[in-house]
Amino acid sequence: MSTSIQSLLQQSGLKTNTFSSASRYYSIDTTTIKDVNGNSITYLRRRFLPQPDQFFKLQEHTVLQGERLDQVTVEYLGDPERYWQICDANNAMRPEELIEEPGSKIKITLPEGIPGNSNA
């Protein structure tokens, strides 16, 4: 039933989203094309990595031996599934590269595009 509801919403031009608000894909649009047999194929548009200057750094975290990125994410963002926000802010394509080296620094930032107080 939910598939038919989503189909109806798509036909009406209303945006549907099956991703949670914590997902990196939440704000990414979908598009539909027809294959050679006339079947509709809906797919997610490409997500481009944001530029590092789109983030206001609040502080840095020093990576500890054996630490996992989901632990860091819970500590600062309160949700382990938002690890991708820390990856984006640190221009990391592979999440594990942020925690490979104990003693390395990870930038903790405001979400993309939210300006910080430059007087701080």
N, C-alpha and C. Protein backbone atom coordinates (compact mmCIF):
# COMPACT_ATOMS: atom_id res chain seq x y z
N MET A 1 0.82 -1.20 0.00
CA MET A 1 0.00 0.00 0.00
C MET A 1 0.86 1.26 0.00
N SER A 2 1.94 1.26 0.78
CA SER A 2 2.79 2.46 0.82
C SER A 2 3.42 2.73 -0.54
N THR A 3 3.68 1.68 -1.33
CA THR A 3 4.24 1.86 -2.67
C THR A 3 3.25 2.62 -3.55
N SER A 4 1.97 2.27 -3.47
CA SER A 4 0.97 2.96 -4.28
C SER A 4 0.78 4.40 -3.81
N ILE A 5 0.90 4.64 -2.54
CA ILE A 5 0.81 6.01 -2.01
C ILE A 5 1.99 6.84 -2.52
N GLN A 6 3.19 6.26 -2.46
CA GLN A 6 4.38 6.97 -2.96
C GLN A 6 4.25 7.24 -4.45
N SER A 7 3.72 6.27 -5.19
CA SER A 7 3.50 6.46 -6.63
C SER A 7 2.56 7.63 -6.89
N LEU A 8 1.48 7.67 -6.13
CA LEU A 8 0.49 8.74 -6.28
C LEU A 8 1.12 10.10 -5.95
N LEU A 9 1.90 10.16 -4.87
CA LEU A 9 2.56 11.41 -4.50
C LEU A 9 3.55 11.85 -5.57
N GLN A 10 4.31 10.90 -6.13
CA GLN A 10 5.27 11.24 -7.18
C GLN A 10 4.56 11.76 -8.42
N GLN A 11 3.45 11.13 -8.78
CA GLN A 11 2.71 11.58 -9.95
C GLN A 11 2.14 12.98 -9.75
N SER A 12 1.80 13.30 -8.50
CA SER A 12 1.24 14.62 -8.21
C SER A 12 2.31 15.70 -8.15
N GLY A 13 3.59 15.28 -8.17
CA GLY A 13 4.68 16.25 -8.13
C GLY A 13 5.15 16.55 -6.72
N LEU A 14 4.53 15.94 -5.71
CA LEU A 14 4.97 16.15 -4.33
C LEU A 14 6.21 15.31 -4.06
N LYS A 15 7.12 15.87 -3.31
CA LYS A 15 8.36 15.16 -3.00
C LYS A 15 8.09 14.12 -1.92
N THR A 16 8.57 12.90 -2.15
CA THR A 16 8.50 11.86 -1.13
C THR A 16 9.92 11.56 -0.68
N ASN A 17 10.07 11.10 0.54
CA ASN A 17 11.39 10.79 1.04
C ASN A 17 11.31 9.57 1.94
N THR A 18 12.07 8.55 1.59
CA THR A 18 12.09 7.34 2.40
C THR A 18 13.27 7.31 3.35
N PHE A 19 14.09 8.35 3.36
CA PHE A 19 15.24 8.43 4.24
C PHE A 19 14.89 9.20 5.50
N SER A 20 15.47 8.77 6.63
CA SER A 20 15.24 9.50 7.88
C SER A 20 15.95 10.85 7.82
N SER A 21 15.55 11.75 8.68
CA SER A 21 16.18 13.08 8.70
C SER A 21 17.64 13.02 9.12
N ALA A 22 18.09 11.89 9.69
CA ALA A 22 19.50 11.73 10.07
C ALA A 22 20.35 11.25 8.90
N SER A 23 19.72 10.88 7.80
CA SER A 23 20.46 10.33 6.66
C SER A 23 21.12 11.42 5.83
N ARG A 24 22.29 11.11 5.29
CA ARG A 24 22.98 12.04 4.39
C ARG A 24 22.19 12.22 3.10
N TYR A 25 21.26 11.34 2.82
CA TYR A 25 20.48 11.40 1.58
C TYR A 25 19.11 12.05 1.75
N TYR A 26 18.80 12.50 2.96
CA TYR A 26 17.48 13.04 3.26
C TYR A 26 17.05 14.16 2.32
N SER A 27 17.94 15.09 2.02
CA SER A 27 17.57 16.25 1.20
C SER A 27 17.87 16.06 -0.29
N ILE A 28 18.30 14.85 -0.67
CA ILE A 28 18.63 14.59 -2.07
C ILE A 28 17.35 14.19 -2.82
N ASP A 29 17.13 14.82 -3.96
CA ASP A 29 15.95 14.53 -4.76
C ASP A 29 16.10 13.23 -5.52
N THR A 30 14.96 12.70 -5.95
CA THR A 30 14.95 11.55 -6.85
C THR A 30 14.49 12.03 -8.21
N THR A 31 14.73 11.21 -9.20
CA THR A 31 14.25 11.49 -10.54
C THR A 31 13.82 10.16 -11.16
N THR A 32 12.99 10.23 -12.16
CA THR A 32 12.48 9.03 -12.81
C THR A 32 12.79 9.09 -14.30
N ILE A 33 13.21 7.96 -14.84
CA ILE A 33 13.44 7.83 -16.28
C ILE A 33 12.67 6.60 -16.76
N LYS A 34 12.50 6.48 -18.04
CA LYS A 34 11.87 5.31 -18.65
C LYS A 34 12.96 4.46 -19.29
N ASP A 35 12.86 3.13 -19.08
CA ASP A 35 13.81 2.25 -19.75
C ASP A 35 13.32 1.96 -21.17
N VAL A 36 14.04 1.13 -21.91
CA VAL A 36 13.69 0.85 -23.30
C VAL A 36 12.32 0.18 -23.45
N ASN A 37 11.84 -0.44 -22.39
CA ASN A 37 10.52 -1.10 -22.42
C ASN A 37 9.41 -0.19 -21.91
N GLY A 38 9.76 1.05 -21.56
CA GLY A 38 8.75 1.99 -21.07
C GLY A 38 8.49 1.91 -19.58
N ASN A 39 9.26 1.09 -18.86
CA ASN A 39 9.10 0.98 -17.41
C ASN A 39 9.76 2.18 -16.73
N SER A 40 9.10 2.69 -15.69
CA SER A 40 9.67 3.81 -14.94
C SER A 40 10.71 3.30 -13.95
N ILE A 41 11.84 3.99 -13.91
CA ILE A 41 12.90 3.67 -12.96
C ILE A 41 13.19 4.94 -12.17
N THR A 42 12.97 4.87 -10.87
CA THR A 42 13.23 6.02 -9.99
C THR A 42 14.57 5.80 -9.31
N TYR A 43 15.40 6.84 -9.29
CA TYR A 43 16.70 6.72 -8.65
C TYR A 43 17.03 8.01 -7.90
N LEU A 44 17.96 7.87 -6.99
CA LEU A 44 18.43 8.99 -6.18
C LEU A 44 19.47 9.77 -6.97
N ARG A 45 19.33 11.07 -6.98
CA ARG A 45 20.33 11.90 -7.66
C ARG A 45 21.65 11.84 -6.89
N ARG A 46 22.72 12.24 -7.53
CA ARG A 46 24.04 12.21 -6.94
C ARG A 46 24.14 13.20 -5.78
N ARG A 47 24.83 12.77 -4.73
CA ARG A 47 25.11 13.65 -3.59
C ARG A 47 26.56 14.10 -3.71
N PHE A 48 26.76 15.41 -3.79
CA PHE A 48 28.11 15.96 -3.86
C PHE A 48 28.60 16.29 -2.46
N LEU A 49 29.87 16.04 -2.22
CA LEU A 49 30.45 16.38 -0.92
C LEU A 49 30.53 17.89 -0.78
N PRO A 50 30.13 18.40 0.38
CA PRO A 50 30.20 19.84 0.59
C PRO A 50 31.65 20.31 0.73
N GLN A 51 31.86 21.57 0.43
CA GLN A 51 33.19 22.17 0.56
C GLN A 51 33.49 22.44 2.04
N PRO A 52 34.73 22.24 2.46
CA PRO A 52 35.09 22.44 3.87
C PRO A 52 34.76 23.84 4.40
N ASP A 53 34.76 24.86 3.54
CA ASP A 53 34.46 26.21 4.02
C ASP A 53 32.98 26.41 4.34
N GLN A 54 32.15 25.38 4.14
CA GLN A 54 30.73 25.45 4.47
C GLN A 54 30.47 25.10 5.95
N PHE A 55 31.55 24.83 6.70
CA PHE A 55 31.42 24.38 8.08
C PHE A 55 32.13 25.35 9.03
N PHE A 56 31.47 25.65 10.13
CA PHE A 56 32.08 26.47 11.17
C PHE A 56 32.59 25.54 12.26
N LYS A 57 33.92 25.55 12.48
CA LYS A 57 34.53 24.66 13.47
C LYS A 57 34.24 25.15 14.89
N LEU A 58 33.73 24.23 15.70
CA LEU A 58 33.48 24.51 17.11
C LEU A 58 34.66 24.11 17.97
N GLN A 59 35.23 22.95 17.67
CA GLN A 59 36.35 22.44 18.44
C GLN A 59 36.99 21.28 17.68
N GLU A 60 38.04 20.72 18.26
CA GLU A 60 38.69 19.56 17.69
C GLU A 60 38.63 18.41 18.70
N HIS A 61 38.58 17.22 18.16
CA HIS A 61 38.61 16.01 18.99
C HIS A 61 39.91 15.27 18.68
N THR A 62 40.62 14.85 19.69
CA THR A 62 41.83 14.07 19.52
C THR A 62 41.46 12.59 19.56
N VAL A 63 41.80 11.87 18.51
CA VAL A 63 41.46 10.45 18.38
C VAL A 63 42.26 9.63 19.39
N LEU A 64 41.55 8.76 20.11
CA LEU A 64 42.16 7.87 21.08
C LEU A 64 42.37 6.48 20.46
N GLN A 65 43.33 5.72 20.99
CA GLN A 65 43.58 4.36 20.53
C GLN A 65 42.30 3.53 20.64
N GLY A 66 41.91 2.86 19.56
CA GLY A 66 40.75 1.97 19.58
C GLY A 66 39.40 2.66 19.50
N GLU A 67 39.40 3.96 19.38
CA GLU A 67 38.14 4.72 19.32
C GLU A 67 37.45 4.49 17.98
N ARG A 68 36.12 4.46 18.02
CA ARG A 68 35.33 4.32 16.80
C ARG A 68 34.63 5.64 16.49
N LEU A 69 34.38 5.87 15.21
CA LEU A 69 33.75 7.12 14.79
C LEU A 69 32.33 7.25 15.32
N ASP A 70 31.61 6.15 15.46
CA ASP A 70 30.26 6.24 16.01
C ASP A 70 30.29 6.71 17.46
N GLN A 71 31.34 6.36 18.20
CA GLN A 71 31.48 6.83 19.58
C GLN A 71 31.71 8.34 19.62
N VAL A 72 32.56 8.81 18.72
CA VAL A 72 32.84 10.25 18.63
C VAL A 72 31.56 10.99 18.25
N THR A 73 30.82 10.42 17.31
CA THR A 73 29.60 11.05 16.84
C THR A 73 28.55 11.14 17.94
N VAL A 74 28.41 10.11 18.73
CA VAL A 74 27.47 10.15 19.86
C VAL A 74 27.89 11.22 20.85
N GLU A 75 29.18 11.30 21.14
CA GLU A 75 29.68 12.28 22.11
C GLU A 75 29.35 13.71 21.70
N TYR A 76 29.51 14.03 20.42
CA TYR A 76 29.34 15.42 19.98
C TYR A 76 28.00 15.71 19.33
N LEU A 77 27.42 14.73 18.64
CA LEU A 77 26.17 14.97 17.91
C LEU A 77 24.97 14.23 18.50
N GLY A 78 25.25 13.29 19.42
CA GLY A 78 24.17 12.58 20.09
C GLY A 78 23.51 11.49 19.27
N ASP A 79 24.06 11.16 18.11
CA ASP A 79 23.44 10.16 17.24
C ASP A 79 24.53 9.47 16.42
N PRO A 80 24.75 8.17 16.63
CA PRO A 80 25.83 7.49 15.91
C PRO A 80 25.64 7.45 14.40
N GLU A 81 24.42 7.57 13.93
CA GLU A 81 24.15 7.52 12.49
C GLU A 81 24.51 8.82 11.77
N ARG A 82 24.89 9.83 12.51
CA ARG A 82 25.27 11.10 11.89
C ARG A 82 26.79 11.22 11.70
N TYR A 83 27.48 10.08 11.71
CA TYR A 83 28.93 10.06 11.50
C TYR A 83 29.32 10.75 10.18
N TRP A 84 28.45 10.68 9.20
CA TRP A 84 28.72 11.27 7.89
C TRP A 84 28.87 12.79 7.97
N GLN A 85 28.24 13.43 8.97
CA GLN A 85 28.40 14.88 9.12
C GLN A 85 29.83 15.21 9.54
N ILE A 86 30.41 14.37 10.38
CA ILE A 86 31.80 14.57 10.78
C ILE A 86 32.72 14.28 9.59
N CYS A 87 32.39 13.27 8.80
CA CYS A 87 33.18 12.98 7.59
C CYS A 87 33.13 14.16 6.64
N ASP A 88 31.94 14.71 6.40
CA ASP A 88 31.81 15.86 5.50
C ASP A 88 32.64 17.04 5.99
N ALA A 89 32.55 17.33 7.27
CA ALA A 89 33.27 18.48 7.83
C ALA A 89 34.78 18.32 7.76
N ASN A 90 35.24 17.06 7.70
CA ASN A 90 36.68 16.78 7.65
C ASN A 90 37.13 16.34 6.27
N ASN A 91 36.25 16.50 5.29
CA ASN A 91 36.56 16.16 3.89
C ASN A 91 37.07 14.73 3.76
N ALA A 92 36.41 13.79 4.47
CA ALA A 92 36.82 12.39 4.47
C ALA A 92 35.86 11.56 3.62
N MET A 93 36.39 10.92 2.62
CA MET A 93 35.59 10.02 1.78
C MET A 93 35.36 8.68 2.47
N ARG A 94 36.33 8.24 3.24
CA ARG A 94 36.24 6.98 3.96
C ARG A 94 36.19 7.28 5.47
N PRO A 95 35.11 6.94 6.14
CA PRO A 95 34.99 7.25 7.58
C PRO A 95 36.15 6.73 8.41
N GLU A 96 36.65 5.54 8.10
CA GLU A 96 37.72 4.94 8.91
C GLU A 96 39.01 5.74 8.86
N GLU A 97 39.21 6.56 7.83
CA GLU A 97 40.45 7.34 7.77
C GLU A 97 40.54 8.38 8.88
N LEU A 98 39.41 8.77 9.44
CA LEU A 98 39.42 9.78 10.50
C LEU A 98 39.94 9.22 11.83
N ILE A 99 39.85 7.91 12.03
CA ILE A 99 40.23 7.33 13.32
C ILE A 99 41.41 6.36 13.21
N GLU A 100 42.03 6.28 12.05
CA GLU A 100 43.16 5.35 11.84
C GLU A 100 44.36 5.67 12.72
N GLU A 101 44.61 6.93 12.92
CA GLU A 101 45.83 7.38 13.59
C GLU A 101 45.52 7.98 14.96
N PRO A 102 45.78 7.25 16.06
CA PRO A 102 45.59 7.84 17.38
C PRO A 102 46.39 9.13 17.50
N GLY A 103 45.78 10.13 18.09
CA GLY A 103 46.43 11.43 18.24
C GLY A 103 46.06 12.42 17.14
N SER A 104 45.47 11.92 16.05
CA SER A 104 45.06 12.84 14.99
C SER A 104 43.86 13.66 15.45
N LYS A 105 43.61 14.74 14.78
CA LYS A 105 42.54 15.68 15.17
C LYS A 105 41.37 15.57 14.20
N ILE A 106 40.17 15.60 14.74
CA ILE A 106 38.93 15.61 13.96
C ILE A 106 38.22 16.92 14.27
N LYS A 107 37.85 17.65 13.23
CA LYS A 107 37.09 18.89 13.43
C LYS A 107 35.65 18.56 13.79
N ILE A 108 35.17 19.21 14.82
CA ILE A 108 33.76 19.12 15.21
C ILE A 108 33.15 20.46 14.82
N THR A 109 32.13 20.42 13.97
CA THR A 109 31.59 21.65 13.40
C THR A 109 30.09 21.77 13.59
N LEU A 110 29.60 22.96 13.29
CA LEU A 110 28.16 23.13 13.14
C LEU A 110 27.75 22.44 11.85
N PRO A 111 26.48 22.11 11.68
CA PRO A 111 26.04 21.51 10.41
C PRO A 111 26.38 22.42 9.23
N GLU A 112 26.49 21.82 8.07
CA GLU A 112 26.84 22.53 6.85
C GLU A 112 26.00 23.77 6.65
N GLY A 113 26.68 24.88 6.36
CA GLY A 113 25.99 26.11 6.00
C GLY A 113 25.50 26.96 7.17
N ILE A 114 25.60 26.46 8.40
CA ILE A 114 25.15 27.25 9.56
C ILE A 114 26.34 28.07 10.04
N PRO A 115 26.23 29.39 9.94
CA PRO A 115 27.36 30.23 10.33
C PRO A 115 27.53 30.28 11.85
N GLY A 116 28.76 30.36 12.28
CA GLY A 116 29.04 30.45 13.71
C GLY A 116 29.33 31.89 14.11
N ASN A 117 29.56 32.08 15.37
CA ASN A 117 29.91 33.38 15.91
C ASN A 117 31.40 33.61 15.72
N SER A 118 31.76 34.50 14.81
CA SER A 118 33.18 34.73 14.53
C SER A 118 33.87 35.49 15.65
N ASN A 119 33.13 35.98 16.64
CA ASN A 119 33.72 36.70 17.76
C ASN A 119 34.14 35.77 18.89
N ALA A 120 33.85 34.48 18.75
CA ALA A 120 34.13 33.53 19.82
C ALA A 120 35.61 33.21 19.91
